């Protein structure tokens, strides 16, 4: 039987730490908005637009302009926390009798493969283990048998809890029939006076319902994008990924790859050489046996087989 699943993407947050007037989830990574990476992964999981609810605030107009009107949108009137944000989507999904995937819109790293590791339970979530430099996220507290007991946000954690290296990635798969009735039991007795969705874990455990945490294979999945430094690190990560795809799958040579930028939606043919200080922008199509660069800047153009381009800035 095919699993019935809907998704809620929490995207109402402001760009306070980004120091920006642009909604955080709309900042681009290699020519593609953060939230569009996430939406792409959801589509790879088989979710269509009517299965996805985007929780927005005052940023609805700009998010809808970027994503289109095919999605369902829920408005969070006040920024009172992640549990409150999920409650804002109640009218669209509370009656759903399958699984509910809940994610934050500023995480471009979630993949269809990671999502498929989440199994049916009252709550299954993704965690990540950091051997050092633990990020300031909620810690996964386990009992003596290794079962998830609760999640403690860093601002509310004691010294021992802050030493826990397993953190919450804010990616949850709930039994939707269970989660919504429990949201009303979440309070805001914490350092930020917010209604944390993470508090549902301890509520589920008190009700003797199963909670599981699946440790991510790539711990970056927990980081998300909070400030300009995170955005830069994401640019570097996706650039390496795009370059590796061209080199390993397409047979492309990239010289001094640390000086080369490959945006999303770029195709390069076999036996082409990319020389240093080259920028390949979104929509660029390069044929086979080409030489691009050094110091070429191409965006949304087509280069025929065998052509050579250097010291060029060209846009289609």
C-alpha atoms as a PDB file:
ATOM      1  CA  UNK A   1       0.000   0.000   0.000  1.00  0.00           C
ATOM      2  CA  UNK A   2       1.333   3.449  -0.950  1.00  0.00           C
ATOM      3  CA  UNK A   3       2.010   5.637   2.073  1.00  0.00           C
ATOM      4  CA  UNK A   4      -0.309   8.628   2.365  1.00  0.00           C
ATOM      5  CA  UNK A   5       1.859  11.606   3.164  1.00  0.00           C
ATOM      6  CA  UNK A   6       1.597  15.374   3.287  1.00  0.00           C
ATOM      7  CA  UNK A   7       4.278  17.902   4.135  1.00  0.00           C
ATOM      8  CA  UNK A   8       4.361  21.183   6.041  1.00  0.00           C
ATOM      9  CA  UNK A   9       7.274  23.527   5.392  1.00  0.00           C
ATOM     10  CA  UNK A  10       7.832  26.138   8.111  1.00  0.00           C
ATOM     11  CA  UNK A  11       8.946  29.265   6.248  1.00  0.00           C
ATOM     12  CA  UNK A  12       7.565  32.255   8.166  1.00  0.00           C
ATOM     13  CA  UNK A  13      10.842  33.186   9.856  1.00  0.00           C
ATOM     14  CA  UNK A  14      12.406  36.573   9.322  1.00  0.00           C
ATOM     15  CA  UNK A  15      15.909  37.346   8.040  1.00  0.00           C
ATOM     16  CA  UNK A  16      17.144  38.864  11.301  1.00  0.00           C
ATOM     17  CA  UNK A  17      20.503  37.097  11.431  1.00  0.00           C
ATOM     18  CA  UNK A  18      20.914  37.386   7.668  1.00  0.00           C
ATOM     19  CA  UNK A  19      20.742  41.190   8.075  1.00  0.00           C
ATOM     20  CA  UNK A  20      18.493  41.283   5.035  1.00  0.00           C
ATOM     21  CA  UNK A  21      15.171  42.596   3.795  1.00  0.00           C
ATOM     22  CA  UNK A  22      14.787  39.440   1.697  1.00  0.00           C
ATOM     23  CA  UNK A  23      13.066  36.458   3.286  1.00  0.00           C
ATOM     24  CA  UNK A  24      15.721  34.015   4.514  1.00  0.00           C
ATOM     25  CA  UNK A  25      14.390  31.049   2.554  1.00  0.00           C
ATOM     26  CA  UNK A  26      14.653  33.027  -0.697  1.00  0.00           C
ATOM     27  CA  UNK A  27      18.368  33.729  -0.525  1.00  0.00           C
ATOM     28  CA  UNK A  28      20.004  31.967  -3.485  1.00  0.00           C
ATOM     29  CA  UNK A  29      22.558  29.201  -3.398  1.00  0.00           C
ATOM     30  CA  UNK A  30      24.268  29.043  -6.785  1.00  0.00           C
ATOM     31  CA  UNK A  31      21.357  30.707  -8.520  1.00  0.00           C
ATOM     32  CA  UNK A  32      18.559  28.766  -6.813  1.00  0.00           C
ATOM     33  CA  UNK A  33      16.586  29.808  -3.741  1.00  0.00           C
ATOM     34  CA  UNK A  34      17.102  27.838  -0.519  1.00  0.00           C
ATOM     35  CA  UNK A  35      13.475  26.750  -0.312  1.00  0.00           C
ATOM     36  CA  UNK A  36      13.461  25.524  -3.917  1.00  0.00           C
ATOM     37  CA  UNK A  37      16.152  22.957  -3.049  1.00  0.00           C
ATOM     38  CA  UNK A  38      13.847  21.664  -0.334  1.00  0.00           C
ATOM     39  CA  UNK A  39      10.810  21.637  -2.625  1.00  0.00           C
ATOM     40  CA  UNK A  40      12.812  19.715  -5.211  1.00  0.00           C
ATOM     41  CA  UNK A  41      13.601  17.015  -2.656  1.00  0.00           C
ATOM     42  CA  UNK A  42       9.934  16.760  -1.689  1.00  0.00           C
ATOM     43  CA  UNK A  43       9.006  16.281  -5.334  1.00  0.00           C
ATOM     44  CA  UNK A  44      11.606  13.509  -5.582  1.00  0.00           C
ATOM     45  CA  UNK A  45       9.770  11.874  -2.666  1.00  0.00           C
ATOM     46  CA  UNK A  46       6.603  11.844  -4.790  1.00  0.00           C
ATOM     47  CA  UNK A  47       4.817  14.807  -3.202  1.00  0.00           C
ATOM     48  CA  UNK A  48       2.879  17.044  -5.573  1.00  0.00           C
ATOM     49  CA  UNK A  49       2.127  20.716  -4.974  1.00  0.00           C
ATOM     50  CA  UNK A  50      -1.316  20.132  -3.354  1.00  0.00           C
ATOM     51  CA  UNK A  51       0.391  17.806  -0.819  1.00  0.00           C
ATOM     52  CA  UNK A  52       2.696  20.580   0.425  1.00  0.00           C
ATOM     53  CA  UNK A  53       1.672  23.364   2.808  1.00  0.00           C
ATOM     54  CA  UNK A  54       3.996  26.359   3.142  1.00  0.00           C
ATOM     55  CA  UNK A  55       3.636  28.218   6.445  1.00  0.00           C
ATOM     56  CA  UNK A  56       4.340  31.901   5.808  1.00  0.00           C
ATOM     57  CA  UNK A  57       4.083  35.202   7.635  1.00  0.00           C
ATOM     58  CA  UNK A  58       4.361  38.657   6.169  1.00  0.00           C
ATOM     59  CA  UNK A  59       6.603  37.138   3.488  1.00  0.00           C
ATOM     60  CA  UNK A  60       3.786  35.304   1.681  1.00  0.00           C
ATOM     61  CA  UNK A  61       3.816  37.516  -1.414  1.00  0.00           C
ATOM     62  CA  UNK A  62       7.530  37.067  -2.114  1.00  0.00           C
ATOM     63  CA  UNK A  63       7.476  33.333  -1.381  1.00  0.00           C
ATOM     64  CA  UNK A  64       4.416  32.764  -3.561  1.00  0.00           C
ATOM     65  CA  UNK A  65       6.068  34.758  -6.336  1.00  0.00           C
ATOM     66  CA  UNK A  66       9.106  32.451  -6.168  1.00  0.00           C
ATOM     67  CA  UNK A  67       7.237  29.142  -5.805  1.00  0.00           C
ATOM     68  CA  UNK A  68       3.940  29.779  -7.569  1.00  0.00           C
ATOM     69  CA  UNK A  69       0.322  29.476  -6.497  1.00  0.00           C
ATOM     70  CA  UNK A  70      -0.004  25.697  -6.802  1.00  0.00           C
ATOM     71  CA  UNK A  71       0.997  25.058  -3.189  1.00  0.00           C
ATOM     72  CA  UNK A  72      -1.215  25.457  -0.153  1.00  0.00           C
ATOM     73  CA  UNK A  73      -0.260  28.416   2.031  1.00  0.00           C
ATOM     74  CA  UNK A  74      -0.968  28.892   5.735  1.00  0.00           C
ATOM     75  CA  UNK A  75      -0.354  32.166   7.545  1.00  0.00           C
ATOM     76  CA  UNK A  76       1.335  32.359  10.924  1.00  0.00           C
ATOM     77  CA  UNK A  77       0.083  35.668  12.279  1.00  0.00           C
ATOM     78  CA  UNK A  78       2.679  35.943  15.056  1.00  0.00           C
ATOM     79  CA  UNK A  79       6.102  34.339  15.422  1.00  0.00           C
ATOM     80  CA  UNK A  80       5.412  32.282  18.563  1.00  0.00           C
ATOM     81  CA  UNK A  81       7.510  29.213  17.829  1.00  0.00           C
ATOM     82  CA  UNK A  82       7.602  26.101  15.684  1.00  0.00           C
ATOM     83  CA  UNK A  83       4.644  24.352  17.370  1.00  0.00           C
ATOM     84  CA  UNK A  84       2.554  27.484  16.815  1.00  0.00           C
ATOM     85  CA  UNK A  85       3.706  27.538  13.175  1.00  0.00           C
ATOM     86  CA  UNK A  86       2.535  23.960  12.649  1.00  0.00           C
ATOM     87  CA  UNK A  87      -0.814  24.782  14.256  1.00  0.00           C
ATOM     88  CA  UNK A  88      -1.208  27.493  11.626  1.00  0.00           C
ATOM     89  CA  UNK A  89      -1.524  24.717   9.029  1.00  0.00           C
ATOM     90  CA  UNK A  90      -4.225  22.845  10.938  1.00  0.00           C
ATOM     91  CA  UNK A  91      -7.050  23.696   8.552  1.00  0.00           C
ATOM     92  CA  UNK A  92      -5.129  22.212   5.592  1.00  0.00           C
ATOM     93  CA  UNK A  93      -3.764  19.024   7.152  1.00  0.00           C
ATOM     94  CA  UNK A  94      -5.345  18.221  10.542  1.00  0.00           C
ATOM     95  CA  UNK A  95      -7.894  15.876   8.923  1.00  0.00           C
ATOM     96  CA  UNK A  96      -5.217  13.980   6.984  1.00  0.00           C
ATOM     97  CA  UNK A  97      -5.164  10.318   8.082  1.00  0.00           C
ATOM     98  CA  UNK A  98      -1.643   9.449   6.953  1.00  0.00           C
ATOM     99  CA  UNK A  99       1.880  10.631   7.749  1.00  0.00           C
ATOM    100  CA  UNK A 100       2.889  14.250   8.073  1.00  0.00           C
ATOM    101  CA  UNK A 101       6.394  15.386   7.154  1.00  0.00           C
ATOM    102  CA  UNK A 102       7.396  18.632   8.903  1.00  0.00           C
ATOM    103  CA  UNK A 103      10.492  20.556   7.824  1.00  0.00           C
ATOM    104  CA  UNK A 104      11.978  24.030   8.084  1.00  0.00           C
ATOM    105  CA  UNK A 105      12.212  26.032   4.887  1.00  0.00           C
ATOM    106  CA  UNK A 106      15.800  27.201   5.392  1.00  0.00           C
ATOM    107  CA  UNK A 107      17.330  23.722   5.074  1.00  0.00           C
ATOM    108  CA  UNK A 108      18.470  22.988   1.503  1.00  0.00           C
ATOM    109  CA  UNK A 109      20.365  19.824   2.488  1.00  0.00           C
ATOM    110  CA  UNK A 110      17.468  17.395   2.984  1.00  0.00           C
ATOM    111  CA  UNK A 111      17.447  14.732   0.280  1.00  0.00           C
ATOM    112  CA  UNK A 112      14.866  12.200  -0.841  1.00  0.00           C
ATOM    113  CA  UNK A 113      17.200   9.422   0.348  1.00  0.00           C
ATOM    114  CA  UNK A 114      17.331  10.833   3.891  1.00  0.00           C
ATOM    115  CA  UNK A 115      13.573  11.343   3.983  1.00  0.00           C
ATOM    116  CA  UNK A 116      13.005   7.710   2.976  1.00  0.00           C
ATOM    117  CA  UNK A 117      14.932   6.575   6.054  1.00  0.00           C
ATOM    118  CA  UNK A 118      12.090   7.906   8.206  1.00  0.00           C
ATOM    119  CA  UNK A 119       9.692   5.101   9.065  1.00  0.00           C
ATOM    120  CA  UNK A 120       6.149   5.008  10.339  1.00  0.00           C
ATOM    121  CA  UNK A 121       5.850   5.720  14.070  1.00  0.00           C
ATOM    122  CA  UNK A 122       4.108   8.289  16.223  1.00  0.00           C
ATOM    123  CA  UNK A 123       7.194  10.401  15.542  1.00  0.00           C
ATOM    124  CA  UNK A 124      10.418   9.714  13.687  1.00  0.00           C
ATOM    125  CA  UNK A 125      12.985  12.466  13.344  1.00  0.00           C
ATOM    126  CA  UNK A 126      16.391  12.981  11.816  1.00  0.00           C
ATOM    127  CA  UNK A 127      19.324  13.786  14.050  1.00  0.00           C
ATOM    128  CA  UNK A 128      22.991  14.454  13.391  1.00  0.00           C
ATOM    129  CA  UNK A 129      26.097  13.694  15.433  1.00  0.00           C
ATOM    130  CA  UNK A 130      28.943  16.226  15.566  1.00  0.00           C
ATOM    131  CA  UNK A 131      32.311  14.955  16.831  1.00  0.00           C
ATOM    132  CA  UNK A 132      33.312  18.521  17.730  1.00  0.00           C
ATOM    133  CA  UNK A 133      32.052  22.102  17.280  1.00  0.00           C
ATOM    134  CA  UNK A 134      28.498  21.194  18.217  1.00  0.00           C
ATOM    135  CA  UNK A 135      26.084  23.680  16.592  1.00  0.00           C
ATOM    136  CA  UNK A 136      23.667  25.581  18.866  1.00  0.00           C
ATOM    137  CA  UNK A 137      20.660  23.344  18.223  1.00  0.00           C
ATOM    138  CA  UNK A 138      18.393  21.150  20.303  1.00  0.00           C
ATOM    139  CA  UNK A 139      20.135  18.179  21.915  1.00  0.00           C
ATOM    140  CA  UNK A 140      18.703  14.671  21.622  1.00  0.00           C
ATOM    141  CA  UNK A 141      18.463  13.245  25.145  1.00  0.00           C
ATOM    142  CA  UNK A 142      18.302   9.441  25.267  1.00  0.00           C
ATOM    143  CA  UNK A 143      17.585   7.173  28.209  1.00  0.00           C
ATOM    144  CA  UNK A 144      19.765   4.314  29.460  1.00  0.00           C
ATOM    145  CA  UNK A 145      18.423   2.003  26.747  1.00  0.00           C
ATOM    146  CA  UNK A 146      19.218   4.480  23.979  1.00  0.00           C
ATOM    147  CA  UNK A 147      15.610   5.514  23.403  1.00  0.00           C
ATOM    148  CA  UNK A 148      14.820   9.136  22.621  1.00  0.00           C
ATOM    149  CA  UNK A 149      13.496  10.721  25.791  1.00  0.00           C
ATOM    150  CA  UNK A 150      13.269  14.431  24.968  1.00  0.00           C
ATOM    151  CA  UNK A 151      14.842  17.287  23.022  1.00  0.00           C
ATOM    152  CA  UNK A 152      16.350  20.203  24.928  1.00  0.00           C
ATOM    153  CA  UNK A 153      16.986  23.481  23.129  1.00  0.00           C
ATOM    154  CA  UNK A 154      20.469  24.848  23.762  1.00  0.00           C
ATOM    155  CA  UNK A 155      19.262  27.958  25.601  1.00  0.00           C
ATOM    156  CA  UNK A 156      17.405  25.714  28.058  1.00  0.00           C
ATOM    157  CA  UNK A 157      20.099  23.032  28.328  1.00  0.00           C
ATOM    158  CA  UNK A 158      22.294  22.482  31.362  1.00  0.00           C
ATOM    159  CA  UNK A 159      26.077  21.967  31.157  1.00  0.00           C
ATOM    160  CA  UNK A 160      25.812  18.182  30.772  1.00  0.00           C
ATOM    161  CA  UNK A 161      23.100  18.444  28.092  1.00  0.00           C
ATOM    162  CA  UNK A 162      25.157  20.942  26.113  1.00  0.00           C
ATOM    163  CA  UNK A 163      27.899  18.330  25.842  1.00  0.00           C
ATOM    164  CA  UNK A 164      25.548  15.972  23.973  1.00  0.00           C
ATOM    165  CA  UNK A 165      26.824  15.654  20.411  1.00  0.00           C
ATOM    166  CA  UNK A 166      23.577  14.459  18.835  1.00  0.00           C
ATOM    167  CA  UNK A 167      21.408  17.362  17.687  1.00  0.00           C
ATOM    168  CA  UNK A 168      17.966  17.754  16.187  1.00  0.00           C
ATOM    169  CA  UNK A 169      17.803  18.398  12.421  1.00  0.00           C
ATOM    170  CA  UNK A 170      14.200  19.723  12.554  1.00  0.00           C
ATOM    171  CA  UNK A 171      12.937  17.084  10.120  1.00  0.00           C
ATOM    172  CA  UNK A 172      10.037  15.040  11.488  1.00  0.00           C
ATOM    173  CA  UNK A 173       7.656  12.376  10.235  1.00  0.00           C
ATOM    174  CA  UNK A 174       4.538  12.200  12.403  1.00  0.00           C
ATOM    175  CA  UNK A 175       1.453  10.057  12.507  1.00  0.00           C
ATOM    176  CA  UNK A 176      -0.821  12.959  11.688  1.00  0.00           C
ATOM    177  CA  UNK A 177      -3.723  11.534  13.684  1.00  0.00           C
ATOM    178  CA  UNK A 178      -1.524  11.726  16.785  1.00  0.00           C
ATOM    179  CA  UNK A 179       0.373  14.981  16.431  1.00  0.00           C
ATOM    180  CA  UNK A 180      -2.330  17.648  16.143  1.00  0.00           C
ATOM    181  CA  UNK A 181      -4.287  16.767  19.298  1.00  0.00           C
ATOM    182  CA  UNK A 182      -1.013  16.959  21.255  1.00  0.00           C
ATOM    183  CA  UNK A 183       0.059  20.393  20.045  1.00  0.00           C
ATOM    184  CA  UNK A 184      -2.331  22.078  22.484  1.00  0.00           C
ATOM    185  CA  UNK A 185      -0.377  20.520  25.379  1.00  0.00           C
ATOM    186  CA  UNK A 186       2.841  22.312  24.447  1.00  0.00           C
ATOM    187  CA  UNK A 187       3.625  25.295  26.672  1.00  0.00           C
ATOM    188  CA  UNK A 188       6.118  28.134  26.431  1.00  0.00           C
ATOM    189  CA  UNK A 189       7.931  27.816  29.757  1.00  0.00           C
ATOM    190  CA  UNK A 190      11.397  28.214  28.276  1.00  0.00           C
ATOM    191  CA  UNK A 191      14.107  30.809  27.756  1.00  0.00           C
ATOM    192  CA  UNK A 192      12.565  32.207  24.568  1.00  0.00           C
ATOM    193  CA  UNK A 193       8.928  31.960  25.714  1.00  0.00           C
ATOM    194  CA  UNK A 194       8.079  30.143  22.502  1.00  0.00           C
ATOM    195  CA  UNK A 195       5.992  27.067  21.741  1.00  0.00           C
ATOM    196  CA  UNK A 196       8.621  24.553  20.638  1.00  0.00           C
ATOM    197  CA  UNK A 197       7.603  21.669  18.396  1.00  0.00           C
ATOM    198  CA  UNK A 198      10.482  19.724  19.955  1.00  0.00           C
ATOM    199  CA  UNK A 199       8.500  19.537  23.217  1.00  0.00           C
ATOM    200  CA  UNK A 200       6.118  17.100  21.566  1.00  0.00           C
ATOM    201  CA  UNK A 201       8.773  14.392  21.965  1.00  0.00           C
ATOM    202  CA  UNK A 202       8.536  14.313  25.760  1.00  0.00           C
ATOM    203  CA  UNK A 203       4.723  14.447  25.525  1.00  0.00           C
ATOM    204  CA  UNK A 204       4.692  11.442  23.215  1.00  0.00           C
ATOM    205  CA  UNK A 205       6.984   9.527  25.562  1.00  0.00           C
ATOM    206  CA  UNK A 206       4.761  10.309  28.567  1.00  0.00           C
ATOM    207  CA  UNK A 207       1.862   8.867  26.574  1.00  0.00           C
ATOM    208  CA  UNK A 208       3.936   5.720  25.863  1.00  0.00           C
ATOM    209  CA  UNK A 209       4.046   6.427  22.123  1.00  0.00           C
ATOM    210  CA  UNK A 210       7.056   5.528  19.998  1.00  0.00           C
ATOM    211  CA  UNK A 211       9.647   8.160  19.127  1.00  0.00           C
ATOM    212  CA  UNK A 212      12.645   7.275  16.993  1.00  0.00           C
ATOM    213  CA  UNK A 213      15.667   9.291  15.873  1.00  0.00           C
ATOM    214  CA  UNK A 214      17.519   8.315  12.699  1.00  0.00           C
ATOM    215  CA  UNK A 215      21.089   9.610  12.601  1.00  0.00           C
ATOM    216  CA  UNK A 216      21.783  11.363   9.288  1.00  0.00           C
ATOM    217  CA  UNK A 217      24.559  10.092   7.060  1.00  0.00           C
ATOM    218  CA  UNK A 218      25.520  13.704   6.277  1.00  0.00           C
ATOM    219  CA  UNK A 219      25.520  15.775   9.445  1.00  0.00           C
ATOM    220  CA  UNK A 220      25.250  19.024   7.459  1.00  0.00           C
ATOM    221  CA  UNK A 221      21.570  18.164   7.123  1.00  0.00           C
ATOM    222  CA  UNK A 222      21.111  19.599  10.621  1.00  0.00           C
ATOM    223  CA  UNK A 223      22.706  22.967   9.956  1.00  0.00           C
ATOM    224  CA  UNK A 224      20.302  24.808   7.681  1.00  0.00           C
ATOM    225  CA  UNK A 225      20.922  28.448   6.777  1.00  0.00           C
ATOM    226  CA  UNK A 226      20.804  30.951   9.626  1.00  0.00           C
ATOM    227  CA  UNK A 227      23.256  33.669   8.607  1.00  0.00           C
ATOM    228  CA  UNK A 228      25.561  34.755   5.791  1.00  0.00           C
ATOM    229  CA  UNK A 229      28.325  32.444   7.003  1.00  0.00           C
ATOM    230  CA  UNK A 230      26.016  29.426   6.706  1.00  0.00           C
ATOM    231  CA  UNK A 231      25.023  30.639   3.245  1.00  0.00           C
ATOM    232  CA  UNK A 232      28.652  30.774   2.166  1.00  0.00           C
ATOM    233  CA  UNK A 233      29.323  27.269   3.495  1.00  0.00           C
ATOM    234  CA  UNK A 234      26.283  25.985   1.603  1.00  0.00           C
ATOM    235  CA  UNK A 235      27.530  27.639  -1.597  1.00  0.00           C
ATOM    236  CA  UNK A 236      30.845  25.815  -1.200  1.00  0.00           C
ATOM    237  CA  UNK A 237      29.161  22.482  -0.502  1.00  0.00           C
ATOM    238  CA  UNK A 238      26.792  22.656  -3.480  1.00  0.00           C
ATOM    239  CA  UNK A 239      29.566  23.919  -5.755  1.00  0.00           C
ATOM    240  CA  UNK A 240      31.695  20.877  -4.868  1.00  0.00           C
ATOM    241  CA  UNK A 241      28.698  18.624  -5.452  1.00  0.00           C
ATOM    242  CA  UNK A 242      28.009  20.177  -8.877  1.00  0.00           C
ATOM    243  CA  UNK A 243      31.663  19.907  -9.887  1.00  0.00           C
ATOM    244  CA  UNK A 244      31.874  16.275  -8.787  1.00  0.00           C
ATOM    245  CA  UNK A 245      28.801  15.449 -10.856  1.00  0.00           C
ATOM    246  CA  UNK A 246      30.407  16.956 -13.962  1.00  0.00           C
ATOM    247  CA  UNK A 247      33.743  15.241 -13.362  1.00  0.00           C
ATOM    248  CA  UNK A 248      32.539  11.789 -12.293  1.00  0.00           C
ATOM    249  CA  UNK A 249      29.339  11.414 -14.322  1.00  0.00           C
ATOM    250  CA  UNK A 250      30.046  13.526 -17.414  1.00  0.00           C
ATOM    251  CA  UNK A 251      33.808  13.114 -17.871  1.00  0.00           C
ATOM    252  CA  UNK A 252      34.670  16.801 -17.534  1.00  0.00           C
ATOM    253  CA  UNK A 253      38.104  18.071 -16.451  1.00  0.00           C
ATOM    254  CA  UNK A 254      38.087  21.015 -14.026  1.00  0.00           C
ATOM    255  CA  UNK A 255      41.443  22.678 -13.416  1.00  0.00           C
ATOM    256  CA  UNK A 256      41.926  24.423 -10.067  1.00  0.00           C
ATOM    257  CA  UNK A 257      38.319  23.695  -9.009  1.00  0.00           C
ATOM    258  CA  UNK A 258      38.624  26.018  -6.001  1.00  0.00           C
ATOM    259  CA  UNK A 259      38.508  28.926  -8.505  1.00  0.00           C
ATOM    260  CA  UNK A 260      35.577  27.579 -10.545  1.00  0.00           C
ATOM    261  CA  UNK A 261      31.878  28.125  -9.813  1.00  0.00           C
ATOM    262  CA  UNK A 262      29.181  25.838 -11.228  1.00  0.00           C
ATOM    263  CA  UNK A 263      25.628  26.954 -10.491  1.00  0.00           C
ATOM    264  CA  UNK A 264      22.564  24.699 -10.536  1.00  0.00           C
ATOM    265  CA  UNK A 265      21.136  23.588 -13.899  1.00  0.00           C
ATOM    266  CA  UNK A 266      24.454  23.471 -15.752  1.00  0.00           C
ATOM    267  CA  UNK A 267      25.336  20.738 -18.247  1.00  0.00           C
ATOM    268  CA  UNK A 268      28.799  20.133 -19.699  1.00  0.00           C
ATOM    269  CA  UNK A 269      29.699  17.484 -22.262  1.00  0.00           C
ATOM    270  CA  UNK A 270      32.360  14.804 -22.158  1.00  0.00           C
ATOM    271  CA  UNK A 271      36.054  15.675 -22.595  1.00  0.00           C
ATOM    272  CA  UNK A 272      35.461  19.381 -22.055  1.00  0.00           C
ATOM    273  CA  UNK A 273      38.096  21.220 -19.992  1.00  0.00           C
ATOM    274  CA  UNK A 274      37.087  23.995 -17.566  1.00  0.00           C
ATOM    275  CA  UNK A 275      40.051  26.286 -16.922  1.00  0.00           C
ATOM    276  CA  UNK A 276      40.645  28.334 -13.739  1.00  0.00           C
ATOM    277  CA  UNK A 277      38.628  31.395 -12.708  1.00  0.00           C
ATOM    278  CA  UNK A 278      35.550  30.326 -14.672  1.00  0.00           C
ATOM    279  CA  UNK A 279      31.884  30.911 -13.771  1.00  0.00           C
ATOM    280  CA  UNK A 280      29.184  28.700 -15.300  1.00  0.00           C
ATOM    281  CA  UNK A 281      25.804  30.208 -14.469  1.00  0.00           C
ATOM    282  CA  UNK A 282      22.383  28.583 -14.372  1.00  0.00           C
ATOM    283  CA  UNK A 283      21.003  27.472 -17.727  1.00  0.00           C
ATOM    284  CA  UNK A 284      24.418  27.080 -19.356  1.00  0.00           C
ATOM    285  CA  UNK A 285      24.857  24.180 -21.790  1.00  0.00           C
ATOM    286  CA  UNK A 286      28.362  23.296 -22.963  1.00  0.00           C
ATOM    287  CA  UNK A 287      28.986  20.636 -25.589  1.00  0.00           C
ATOM    288  CA  UNK A 288      31.674  17.956 -25.867  1.00  0.00           C
ATOM    289  CA  UNK A 289      35.405  18.589 -26.363  1.00  0.00           C
ATOM    290  CA  UNK A 290      35.162  22.268 -25.468  1.00  0.00           C
ATOM    291  CA  UNK A 291      37.647  24.497 -23.662  1.00  0.00           C
ATOM    292  CA  UNK A 292      36.060  27.043 -21.334  1.00  0.00           C
ATOM    293  CA  UNK A 293      38.216  29.747 -19.739  1.00  0.00           C
ATOM    294  CA  UNK A 294      40.359  30.805 -18.121  1.00  0.00           C
ATOM    295  CA  UNK A 295      38.397  33.763 -16.739  1.00  0.00           C
ATOM    296  CA  UNK A 296      35.173  33.001 -18.625  1.00  0.00           C
ATOM    297  CA  UNK A 297      31.770  34.008 -17.279  1.00  0.00           C
ATOM    298  CA  UNK A 298      28.803  32.270 -18.925  1.00  0.00           C
ATOM    299  CA  UNK A 299      25.144  32.267 -17.938  1.00  0.00           C
ATOM    300  CA  UNK A 300      22.196  30.693 -19.748  1.00  0.00           C
ATOM    301  CA  UNK A 301      24.092  30.178 -23.007  1.00  0.00           C
ATOM    302  CA  UNK A 302      24.742  27.219 -25.314  1.00  0.00           C
ATOM    303  CA  UNK A 303      28.239  26.297 -26.469  1.00  0.00           C
ATOM    304  CA  UNK A 304      28.510  23.911 -29.415  1.00  0.00           C
ATOM    305  CA  UNK A 305      30.796  20.863 -29.472  1.00  0.00           C
ATOM    306  CA  UNK A 306      34.472  21.700 -29.921  1.00  0.00           C
ATOM    307  CA  UNK A 307      34.261  25.445 -29.251  1.00  0.00           C
ATOM    308  CA  UNK A 308      36.758  27.381 -27.164  1.00  0.00           C
ATOM    309  CA  UNK A 309      35.753  30.297 -24.905  1.00  0.00           C
ATOM    310  CA  UNK A 310      38.042  32.413 -22.776  1.00  0.00           C
ATOM    311  CA  UNK A 311      38.072  35.918 -21.296  1.00  0.00           C
ATOM    312  CA  UNK A 312      34.364  36.131 -22.097  1.00  0.00           C
ATOM    313  CA  UNK A 313      31.302  37.346 -20.262  1.00  0.00           C
ATOM    314  CA  UNK A 314      28.201  36.195 -22.078  1.00  0.00           C
ATOM    315  CA  UNK A 315      24.578  35.845 -21.086  1.00  0.00           C
ATOM    316  CA  UNK A 316      21.762  34.292 -23.070  1.00  0.00           C
END
